[in-house]
Amino acid sequence: MTEADEDLICQVQTLAQRAHELPSPRPRTHWHSAAVAPVPDLAGELVRAAVRADRQAGASWAQIGAGLGISAEAARGRFGRTRGTAAAARTG
C-alpha cells in the first residue's frame, strides 16, 4: 500500500480511538456520532486503495471479489474504473 493508504488507516484508527474517549466534564450527546461520522467515507477510500493495490499486484477480479465477499462481476462493476481513474489522475 502507498503512504496515502497508510494515512487512511491511521485516520480510521484515530477516529475509532476518539469514539471511546469522552470529553470532560460532561459529554455532549452527539459527540460519539460526530467522532465517527467520517469513517464510512474513509473506509470506502481504503477499500478502493486496496483494490487498486491488488490489481496492480496482478490479482484477478475473482480473487478481489472473493476477498470482498462479492462476485468477480460485482467487483469489476464496482471497482473496474479504479485503475483508469488512478491513471488519469496521475497524467492530469
C-alpha atoms as a PDB file:
ATOM      1  CA  MET A   1       0.000   0.000   0.000  1.00  0.00           C
ATOM      2  CA  THR A   2       1.063   3.570  -0.537  1.00  0.00           C
ATOM      3  CA  GLU A   3       1.786   6.254   2.019  1.00  0.00           C
ATOM      4  CA  ALA A   4      -1.658   7.734   1.313  1.00  0.00           C
ATOM      5  CA  ASP A   5      -3.259   4.360   2.031  1.00  0.00           C
ATOM      6  CA  GLU A   6      -1.379   4.105   5.305  1.00  0.00           C
ATOM      7  CA  ASP A   7      -2.588   7.608   6.168  1.00  0.00           C
ATOM      8  CA  LEU A   8      -6.181   6.455   5.625  1.00  0.00           C
ATOM      9  CA  ILE A   9      -5.639   3.555   8.010  1.00  0.00           C
ATOM     10  CA  CYS A  10      -4.221   5.925  10.629  1.00  0.00           C
ATOM     11  CA  GLN A  11      -7.207   8.240  10.240  1.00  0.00           C
ATOM     12  CA  VAL A  12      -9.672   5.384  10.771  1.00  0.00           C
ATOM     13  CA  GLN A  13      -7.722   4.161  13.806  1.00  0.00           C
ATOM     14  CA  THR A  14      -7.650   7.670  15.273  1.00  0.00           C
ATOM     15  CA  LEU A  15     -11.383   8.069  14.782  1.00  0.00           C
ATOM     16  CA  ALA A  16     -12.070   4.695  16.369  1.00  0.00           C
ATOM     17  CA  GLN A  17      -9.940   5.637  19.363  1.00  0.00           C
ATOM     18  CA  ARG A  18     -11.698   9.000  19.715  1.00  0.00           C
ATOM     19  CA  ALA A  19     -15.069   7.251  19.826  1.00  0.00           C
ATOM     20  CA  HIS A  20     -14.028   5.614  23.106  1.00  0.00           C
ATOM     21  CA  GLU A  21     -12.822   8.822  24.726  1.00  0.00           C
ATOM     22  CA  LEU A  22     -15.298  11.064  26.472  1.00  0.00           C
ATOM     23  CA  PRO A  23     -14.736  14.805  26.649  1.00  0.00           C
ATOM     24  CA  SER A  24     -14.858  16.274  30.109  1.00  0.00           C
ATOM     25  CA  PRO A  25     -16.546  17.323  32.227  1.00  0.00           C
ATOM     26  CA  ARG A  26     -19.837  16.297  30.629  1.00  0.00           C
ATOM     27  CA  PRO A  27     -20.057  14.676  27.184  1.00  0.00           C
ATOM     28  CA  ARG A  28     -22.228  16.234  24.523  1.00  0.00           C
ATOM     29  CA  THR A  29     -24.981  13.932  23.367  1.00  0.00           C
ATOM     30  CA  HIS A  30     -23.774  13.896  19.760  1.00  0.00           C
ATOM     31  CA  TRP A  31     -20.043  13.581  20.413  1.00  0.00           C
ATOM     32  CA  HIS A  32     -19.671   9.883  19.574  1.00  0.00           C
ATOM     33  CA  SER A  33     -21.646  10.188  16.356  1.00  0.00           C
ATOM     34  CA  ALA A  34     -19.637  13.208  15.261  1.00  0.00           C
ATOM     35  CA  ALA A  35     -16.373  11.429  16.084  1.00  0.00           C
ATOM     36  CA  VAL A  36     -17.108   8.521  13.757  1.00  0.00           C
ATOM     37  CA  ALA A  37     -19.033  10.333  11.001  1.00  0.00           C
ATOM     38  CA  PRO A  38     -16.037  10.335   8.581  1.00  0.00           C
ATOM     39  CA  VAL A  39     -15.460   6.571   8.930  1.00  0.00           C
ATOM     40  CA  PRO A  40     -17.722   5.375   6.054  1.00  0.00           C
ATOM     41  CA  ASP A  41     -16.037   7.698   3.547  1.00  0.00           C
ATOM     42  CA  LEU A  42     -12.572   6.771   4.797  1.00  0.00           C
ATOM     43  CA  ALA A  43     -13.435   3.074   4.682  1.00  0.00           C
ATOM     44  CA  GLY A  44     -14.611   3.437   1.077  1.00  0.00           C
ATOM     45  CA  GLU A  45     -11.362   5.164   0.144  1.00  0.00           C
ATOM     46  CA  LEU A  46      -9.405   2.423   1.886  1.00  0.00           C
ATOM     47  CA  VAL A  47     -11.265  -0.338   0.031  1.00  0.00           C
ATOM     48  CA  ARG A  48     -10.680   1.408  -3.321  1.00  0.00           C
ATOM     49  CA  ALA A  49      -6.982   1.767  -2.485  1.00  0.00           C
ATOM     50  CA  ALA A  50      -6.758  -1.916  -1.561  1.00  0.00           C
ATOM     51  CA  VAL A  51      -8.443  -2.930  -4.816  1.00  0.00           C
ATOM     52  CA  ARG A  52      -6.015  -0.746  -6.802  1.00  0.00           C
ATOM     53  CA  ALA A  53      -3.078  -2.317  -4.958  1.00  0.00           C
ATOM     54  CA  ASP A  54      -4.400  -5.838  -5.573  1.00  0.00           C
ATOM     55  CA  ARG A  55      -4.975  -5.159  -9.266  1.00  0.00           C
ATOM     56  CA  GLN A  56      -1.501  -3.671  -9.646  1.00  0.00           C
ATOM     57  CA  ALA A  57      -0.107  -6.777  -7.956  1.00  0.00           C
ATOM     58  CA  GLY A  58      -1.884  -8.945 -10.530  1.00  0.00           C
ATOM     59  CA  ALA A  59      -4.943 -10.126  -8.609  1.00  0.00           C
ATOM     60  CA  SER A  60      -7.903 -11.209 -10.712  1.00  0.00           C
ATOM     61  CA  TRP A  61     -11.391  -9.794 -10.261  1.00  0.00           C
ATOM     62  CA  ALA A  62     -12.416 -13.214  -8.944  1.00  0.00           C
ATOM     63  CA  GLN A  63      -9.748 -13.033  -6.229  1.00  0.00           C
ATOM     64  CA  ILE A  64     -10.692  -9.477  -5.314  1.00  0.00           C
ATOM     65  CA  GLY A  65     -14.379 -10.331  -5.292  1.00  0.00           C
ATOM     66  CA  ALA A  66     -13.742 -13.330  -3.059  1.00  0.00           C
ATOM     67  CA  GLY A  67     -11.839 -11.123  -0.634  1.00  0.00           C
ATOM     68  CA  LEU A  68     -14.729  -8.669  -0.524  1.00  0.00           C
ATOM     69  CA  GLY A  69     -17.408 -11.353  -0.348  1.00  0.00           C
ATOM     70  CA  ILE A  70     -18.874 -10.465  -3.754  1.00  0.00           C
ATOM     71  CA  SER A  71     -18.709 -11.960  -7.237  1.00  0.00           C
ATOM     72  CA  ALA A  72     -15.975 -11.175  -9.735  1.00  0.00           C
ATOM     73  CA  GLU A  73     -18.556  -9.400 -11.893  1.00  0.00           C
ATOM     74  CA  ALA A  74     -19.724  -7.272  -8.966  1.00  0.00           C
ATOM     75  CA  ALA A  75     -16.132  -6.378  -8.064  1.00  0.00           C
ATOM     76  CA  ARG A  76     -15.317  -5.438 -11.658  1.00  0.00           C
ATOM     77  CA  GLY A  77     -18.522  -3.427 -11.958  1.00  0.00           C
ATOM     78  CA  ARG A  78     -17.926  -1.561  -8.720  1.00  0.00           C
ATOM     79  CA  PHE A  79     -14.173  -1.005  -8.971  1.00  0.00           C
ATOM     80  CA  GLY A  80     -13.349  -1.587 -12.647  1.00  0.00           C
ATOM     81  CA  ARG A  81     -12.848   2.100 -13.313  1.00  0.00           C
ATOM     82  CA  THR A  82     -10.496   2.428 -10.345  1.00  0.00           C
ATOM     83  CA  ARG A  83      -7.390   1.674 -12.414  1.00  0.00           C
ATOM     84  CA  GLY A  84      -8.369   4.107 -15.181  1.00  0.00           C
ATOM     85  CA  THR A  85      -9.275   6.819 -12.689  1.00  0.00           C
ATOM     86  CA  ALA A  86      -5.934   6.462 -10.910  1.00  0.00           C
ATOM     87  CA  ALA A  87      -4.048   6.583 -14.199  1.00  0.00           C
ATOM     88  CA  ALA A  88      -5.996   9.640 -15.333  1.00  0.00           C
ATOM     89  CA  ALA A  89      -5.246  11.397 -12.046  1.00  0.00           C
ATOM     90  CA  ARG A  90      -1.512  10.730 -12.480  1.00  0.00           C
ATOM     91  CA  THR A  91      -1.422  12.031 -16.044  1.00  0.00           C
ATOM     92  CA  GLY A  92      -3.621  15.034 -15.315  1.00  0.00           C
END
